[in-house]
């Protein structure tokens, strides 16, 4: 399906709107340990860190990680659309 510049721009606007709906996020993964749960993530220096998660915060933490993954998918779709737009401008 051939796309024109206006349709790609429309898709970028829609995805940008979806991105702005993503609120709080956490990057990382949750692991169960003997005494509870930990969040493992990499900081801005790419160093692995761990953080203890209280049992009552595990479900909230999982939602925040899902929000991060959704935002990452939206961001990647926006990048792909911008590449497509760039190719259309040739």
C-alpha atoms as a PDB file:
ATOM      1  CA  UNK A   1       0.000   0.000   0.000  1.00  0.00           C
ATOM      2  CA  UNK A   2       1.509   3.273  -1.116  1.00  0.00           C
ATOM      3  CA  UNK A   3       1.323   5.985   1.507  1.00  0.00           C
ATOM      4  CA  UNK A   4       1.423   9.668   0.878  1.00  0.00           C
ATOM      5  CA  UNK A   5       3.065  12.287   3.050  1.00  0.00           C
ATOM      6  CA  UNK A   6      -0.208  13.476   4.624  1.00  0.00           C
ATOM      7  CA  UNK A   7      -1.290   9.983   5.696  1.00  0.00           C
ATOM      8  CA  UNK A   8       2.103   9.325   7.314  1.00  0.00           C
ATOM      9  CA  UNK A   9       1.951  12.694   9.102  1.00  0.00           C
ATOM     10  CA  UNK A  10      -1.520  11.764  10.368  1.00  0.00           C
ATOM     11  CA  UNK A  11      -0.218   8.469  11.714  1.00  0.00           C
ATOM     12  CA  UNK A  12       2.652  10.297  13.433  1.00  0.00           C
ATOM     13  CA  UNK A  13       0.178  12.717  15.076  1.00  0.00           C
ATOM     14  CA  UNK A  14      -1.969   9.798  16.266  1.00  0.00           C
ATOM     15  CA  UNK A  15       1.011   7.925  17.713  1.00  0.00           C
ATOM     16  CA  UNK A  16       2.301  11.116  19.352  1.00  0.00           C
ATOM     17  CA  UNK A  17      -1.100  11.494  21.024  1.00  0.00           C
ATOM     18  CA  UNK A  18      -0.903   7.888  22.227  1.00  0.00           C
ATOM     19  CA  UNK A  19       2.556   8.575  23.630  1.00  0.00           C
ATOM     20  CA  UNK A  20       1.321  11.533  25.661  1.00  0.00           C
ATOM     21  CA  UNK A  21      -1.350   9.306  27.291  1.00  0.00           C
ATOM     22  CA  UNK A  22       1.373   7.181  28.888  1.00  0.00           C
ATOM     23  CA  UNK A  23       1.766   8.477  32.430  1.00  0.00           C
ATOM     24  CA  UNK A  24       4.053   7.037  35.088  1.00  0.00           C
ATOM     25  CA  UNK A  25       6.553   4.359  34.041  1.00  0.00           C
ATOM     26  CA  UNK A  26       9.327   2.166  35.340  1.00  0.00           C
ATOM     27  CA  UNK A  27      12.000   0.393  33.369  1.00  0.00           C
ATOM     28  CA  UNK A  28      13.146  -3.018  34.515  1.00  0.00           C
ATOM     29  CA  UNK A  29      11.841  -6.370  35.627  1.00  0.00           C
ATOM     30  CA  UNK A  30      10.461  -7.808  38.845  1.00  0.00           C
ATOM     31  CA  UNK A  31      11.879 -10.952  40.418  1.00  0.00           C
ATOM     32  CA  UNK A  32      10.658 -12.911  43.407  1.00  0.00           C
ATOM     33  CA  UNK A  33      13.275 -13.481  46.052  1.00  0.00           C
ATOM     34  CA  UNK A  34      13.162 -15.360  49.334  1.00  0.00           C
ATOM     35  CA  UNK A  35      11.937 -12.377  51.378  1.00  0.00           C
ATOM     36  CA  UNK A  36       9.860 -10.510  48.783  1.00  0.00           C
ATOM     37  CA  UNK A  37      10.404  -8.910  45.389  1.00  0.00           C
ATOM     38  CA  UNK A  38      13.080  -6.843  43.684  1.00  0.00           C
ATOM     39  CA  UNK A  39      13.064  -4.534  40.683  1.00  0.00           C
ATOM     40  CA  UNK A  40      16.164  -4.879  38.515  1.00  0.00           C
ATOM     41  CA  UNK A  41      16.957  -2.052  36.088  1.00  0.00           C
ATOM     42  CA  UNK A  42      19.839  -0.307  34.361  1.00  0.00           C
ATOM     43  CA  UNK A  43      20.519   3.312  35.240  1.00  0.00           C
ATOM     44  CA  UNK A  44      21.632   6.052  32.841  1.00  0.00           C
ATOM     45  CA  UNK A  45      25.251   4.858  33.150  1.00  0.00           C
ATOM     46  CA  UNK A  46      24.115   1.365  32.073  1.00  0.00           C
ATOM     47  CA  UNK A  47      24.866  -0.042  35.524  1.00  0.00           C
ATOM     48  CA  UNK A  48      22.481  -2.723  36.809  1.00  0.00           C
ATOM     49  CA  UNK A  49      20.684  -1.708  40.002  1.00  0.00           C
ATOM     50  CA  UNK A  50      18.220  -3.511  42.234  1.00  0.00           C
ATOM     51  CA  UNK A  51      15.490  -2.080  44.394  1.00  0.00           C
ATOM     52  CA  UNK A  52      13.415  -3.880  46.986  1.00  0.00           C
ATOM     53  CA  UNK A  53       9.657  -3.761  46.213  1.00  0.00           C
ATOM     54  CA  UNK A  54       7.155  -4.125  49.023  1.00  0.00           C
ATOM     55  CA  UNK A  55       4.596  -6.863  48.452  1.00  0.00           C
ATOM     56  CA  UNK A  56       1.735  -4.325  48.353  1.00  0.00           C
ATOM     57  CA  UNK A  57       3.509  -2.397  45.544  1.00  0.00           C
ATOM     58  CA  UNK A  58       4.180  -5.344  43.201  1.00  0.00           C
ATOM     59  CA  UNK A  59       1.011  -5.009  41.092  1.00  0.00           C
ATOM     60  CA  UNK A  60       1.492  -1.230  40.754  1.00  0.00           C
ATOM     61  CA  UNK A  61       5.113  -1.799  39.751  1.00  0.00           C
ATOM     62  CA  UNK A  62       4.064  -4.303  37.082  1.00  0.00           C
ATOM     63  CA  UNK A  63       1.622  -1.748  35.630  1.00  0.00           C
ATOM     64  CA  UNK A  64       4.355   0.912  35.538  1.00  0.00           C
ATOM     65  CA  UNK A  65       6.665  -1.520  33.712  1.00  0.00           C
ATOM     66  CA  UNK A  66       3.862  -2.263  31.212  1.00  0.00           C
ATOM     67  CA  UNK A  67       3.452   1.500  30.686  1.00  0.00           C
ATOM     68  CA  UNK A  68       7.160   1.765  29.885  1.00  0.00           C
ATOM     69  CA  UNK A  69       6.954  -1.096  27.375  1.00  0.00           C
ATOM     70  CA  UNK A  70       3.905   0.481  25.685  1.00  0.00           C
ATOM     71  CA  UNK A  71       5.696   3.838  25.479  1.00  0.00           C
ATOM     72  CA  UNK A  72       8.759   2.150  23.977  1.00  0.00           C
ATOM     73  CA  UNK A  73       6.588   0.466  21.310  1.00  0.00           C
ATOM     74  CA  UNK A  74       4.879   3.769  20.470  1.00  0.00           C
ATOM     75  CA  UNK A  75       8.251   5.540  20.284  1.00  0.00           C
ATOM     76  CA  UNK A  76       9.587   2.873  17.898  1.00  0.00           C
ATOM     77  CA  UNK A  77       6.477   3.197  15.669  1.00  0.00           C
ATOM     78  CA  UNK A  78       6.989   6.994  15.559  1.00  0.00           C
ATOM     79  CA  UNK A  79      10.628   6.469  14.555  1.00  0.00           C
ATOM     80  CA  UNK A  80       9.606   4.041  11.793  1.00  0.00           C
ATOM     81  CA  UNK A  81       7.007   6.488  10.502  1.00  0.00           C
ATOM     82  CA  UNK A  82       9.569   9.296  10.479  1.00  0.00           C
ATOM     83  CA  UNK A  83      11.925   7.109   8.440  1.00  0.00           C
ATOM     84  CA  UNK A  84       9.069   6.387   6.029  1.00  0.00           C
ATOM     85  CA  UNK A  85       8.345  10.120   5.828  1.00  0.00           C
ATOM     86  CA  UNK A  86      12.004  10.800   5.132  1.00  0.00           C
ATOM     87  CA  UNK A  87      11.948   8.287   2.264  1.00  0.00           C
ATOM     88  CA  UNK A  88       8.827   9.960   0.807  1.00  0.00           C
ATOM     89  CA  UNK A  89      10.657  13.305   0.721  1.00  0.00           C
ATOM     90  CA  UNK A  90      13.351  11.979  -1.632  1.00  0.00           C
END
